[in-house]
Amino acid sequence: MMAALAKAISRATRTSVDVETLKILAIFSGAGLLLSLVTAMIYGQAAGAALF
């Protein structure tokens, strides 16, 4: 699947995209999303308690 995605991006942008680059980007994006969700859960509860 990653190879097909890399091939499609390479065709669309007309630049060379490596599969390893996509894997690294996916890992960092996933980690950032996880961190954002955890932060929203923690501070969301604190903000909700402060309002009431």
N, C-alpha and C. Protein backbone atom coordinates (compact mmCIF):
# COMPACT_ATOMS: atom_id res chain seq x y z
N MET A 1 0.82 -1.18 0.00
CA MET A 1 0.00 0.00 0.00
C MET A 1 0.87 1.26 0.00
N MET A 2 1.95 1.23 0.78
CA MET A 2 2.83 2.41 0.83
C MET A 2 3.50 2.63 -0.52
N ALA A 3 3.84 1.55 -1.19
CA ALA A 3 4.49 1.69 -2.50
C ALA A 3 3.53 2.32 -3.51
N ALA A 4 2.28 1.91 -3.47
CA ALA A 4 1.29 2.48 -4.37
C ALA A 4 1.05 3.96 -4.07
N LEU A 5 1.04 4.29 -2.79
CA LEU A 5 0.87 5.69 -2.39
C LEU A 5 2.06 6.52 -2.83
N ALA A 6 3.26 5.99 -2.66
CA ALA A 6 4.47 6.70 -3.09
C ALA A 6 4.48 6.91 -4.59
N LYS A 7 4.03 5.90 -5.32
CA LYS A 7 3.98 6.00 -6.78
C LYS A 7 2.98 7.06 -7.22
N ALA A 8 1.82 7.09 -6.56
CA ALA A 8 0.79 8.07 -6.91
C ALA A 8 1.26 9.49 -6.60
N ILE A 9 1.92 9.67 -5.47
CA ILE A 9 2.43 11.00 -5.12
C ILE A 9 3.53 11.41 -6.08
N SER A 10 4.38 10.47 -6.45
CA SER A 10 5.45 10.78 -7.41
C SER A 10 4.87 11.21 -8.75
N ARG A 11 3.84 10.54 -9.19
CA ARG A 11 3.21 10.90 -10.47
C ARG A 11 2.53 12.27 -10.38
N ALA A 12 1.86 12.52 -9.27
CA ALA A 12 1.11 13.77 -9.12
C ALA A 12 2.03 14.98 -9.00
N THR A 13 3.12 14.83 -8.27
CA THR A 13 4.00 15.97 -8.04
C THR A 13 5.20 15.99 -8.97
N ARG A 14 5.39 14.93 -9.73
CA ARG A 14 6.52 14.78 -10.65
C ARG A 14 7.86 14.91 -9.95
N THR A 15 7.90 14.44 -8.68
CA THR A 15 9.15 14.37 -7.94
C THR A 15 9.31 12.95 -7.42
N SER A 16 10.51 12.61 -7.05
CA SER A 16 10.79 11.27 -6.53
C SER A 16 10.43 11.20 -5.05
N VAL A 17 9.51 10.31 -4.71
CA VAL A 17 9.10 10.12 -3.33
C VAL A 17 9.46 8.70 -2.94
N ASP A 18 10.20 8.57 -1.84
CA ASP A 18 10.64 7.26 -1.37
C ASP A 18 9.62 6.69 -0.39
N VAL A 19 9.49 5.38 -0.35
CA VAL A 19 8.56 4.73 0.56
C VAL A 19 8.98 4.97 2.00
N GLU A 20 10.27 4.95 2.28
CA GLU A 20 10.76 5.18 3.64
C GLU A 20 10.39 6.57 4.13
N THR A 21 10.43 7.54 3.25
CA THR A 21 10.04 8.91 3.61
C THR A 21 8.58 8.94 4.03
N LEU A 22 7.74 8.24 3.29
CA LEU A 22 6.30 8.20 3.64
C LEU A 22 6.08 7.50 4.98
N LYS A 23 6.85 6.45 5.24
CA LYS A 23 6.72 5.75 6.52
C LYS A 23 7.09 6.68 7.68
N ILE A 24 8.17 7.43 7.53
CA ILE A 24 8.59 8.35 8.58
C ILE A 24 7.55 9.44 8.80
N LEU A 25 7.02 9.98 7.70
CA LEU A 25 5.97 11.00 7.83
C LEU A 25 4.72 10.45 8.50
N ALA A 26 4.37 9.23 8.17
CA ALA A 26 3.18 8.61 8.77
C ALA A 26 3.38 8.39 10.27
N ILE A 27 4.58 7.98 10.66
CA ILE A 27 4.86 7.75 12.08
C ILE A 27 4.77 9.05 12.86
N PHE A 28 5.41 10.11 12.36
CA PHE A 28 5.37 11.39 13.06
C PHE A 28 3.97 11.99 13.06
N SER A 29 3.23 11.83 11.99
CA SER A 29 1.86 12.34 11.95
C SER A 29 0.98 11.61 12.95
N GLY A 30 1.14 10.31 13.01
CA GLY A 30 0.37 9.51 13.97
C GLY A 30 0.71 9.86 15.40
N ALA A 31 2.00 10.06 15.68
CA ALA A 31 2.42 10.43 17.03
C ALA A 31 1.87 11.81 17.40
N GLY A 32 1.89 12.74 16.47
CA GLY A 32 1.35 14.07 16.73
C GLY A 32 -0.14 14.03 16.97
N LEU A 33 -0.85 13.23 16.20
CA LEU A 33 -2.30 13.09 16.39
C LEU A 33 -2.61 12.48 17.75
N LEU A 34 -1.86 11.44 18.13
CA LEU A 34 -2.07 10.81 19.43
C LEU A 34 -1.81 11.79 20.56
N LEU A 35 -0.73 12.55 20.46
CA LEU A 35 -0.41 13.54 21.49
C LEU A 35 -1.49 14.62 21.57
N SER A 36 -1.99 15.05 20.42
CA SER A 36 -3.05 16.06 20.40
C SER A 36 -4.34 15.53 21.04
N LEU A 37 -4.68 14.29 20.76
CA LEU A 37 -5.89 13.71 21.35
C LEU A 37 -5.77 13.56 22.85
N VAL A 38 -4.60 13.11 23.32
CA VAL A 38 -4.39 12.96 24.76
C VAL A 38 -4.45 14.31 25.44
N THR A 39 -3.82 15.32 24.84
CA THR A 39 -3.84 16.66 25.41
C THR A 39 -5.26 17.22 25.45
N ALA A 40 -6.02 17.01 24.39
CA ALA A 40 -7.40 17.49 24.36
C ALA A 40 -8.25 16.78 25.42
N MET A 41 -8.00 15.50 25.62
CA MET A 41 -8.76 14.78 26.64
C MET A 41 -8.43 15.29 28.04
N ILE A 42 -7.16 15.54 28.31
CA ILE A 42 -6.75 15.99 29.65
C ILE A 42 -7.24 17.40 29.91
N TYR A 43 -6.94 18.33 28.99
CA TYR A 43 -7.32 19.71 29.22
C TYR A 43 -8.80 19.96 28.97
N GLY A 44 -9.44 19.10 28.18
CA GLY A 44 -10.87 19.23 27.96
C GLY A 44 -11.65 18.96 29.23
N GLN A 45 -11.21 17.97 29.99
CA GLN A 45 -11.87 17.68 31.25
C GLN A 45 -11.63 18.80 32.26
N ALA A 46 -10.43 19.34 32.28
CA ALA A 46 -10.11 20.43 33.21
C ALA A 46 -10.89 21.69 32.86
N ALA A 47 -11.02 21.97 31.57
CA ALA A 47 -11.77 23.15 31.16
C ALA A 47 -13.25 22.97 31.44
N GLY A 48 -13.76 21.77 31.25
CA GLY A 48 -15.17 21.52 31.54
C GLY A 48 -15.47 21.65 33.02
N ALA A 49 -14.56 21.21 33.87
CA ALA A 49 -14.76 21.32 35.31
C ALA A 49 -14.67 22.77 35.76
N ALA A 50 -13.84 23.57 35.10
CA ALA A 50 -13.68 24.97 35.50
C ALA A 50 -14.90 25.80 35.13
N LEU A 51 -15.63 25.38 34.10
CA LEU A 51 -16.79 26.14 33.67
C LEU A 51 -17.99 25.95 34.60
N PHE A 52 -18.09 24.80 35.24
CA PHE A 52 -19.28 24.52 36.05
C PHE A 52 -18.97 24.48 37.52
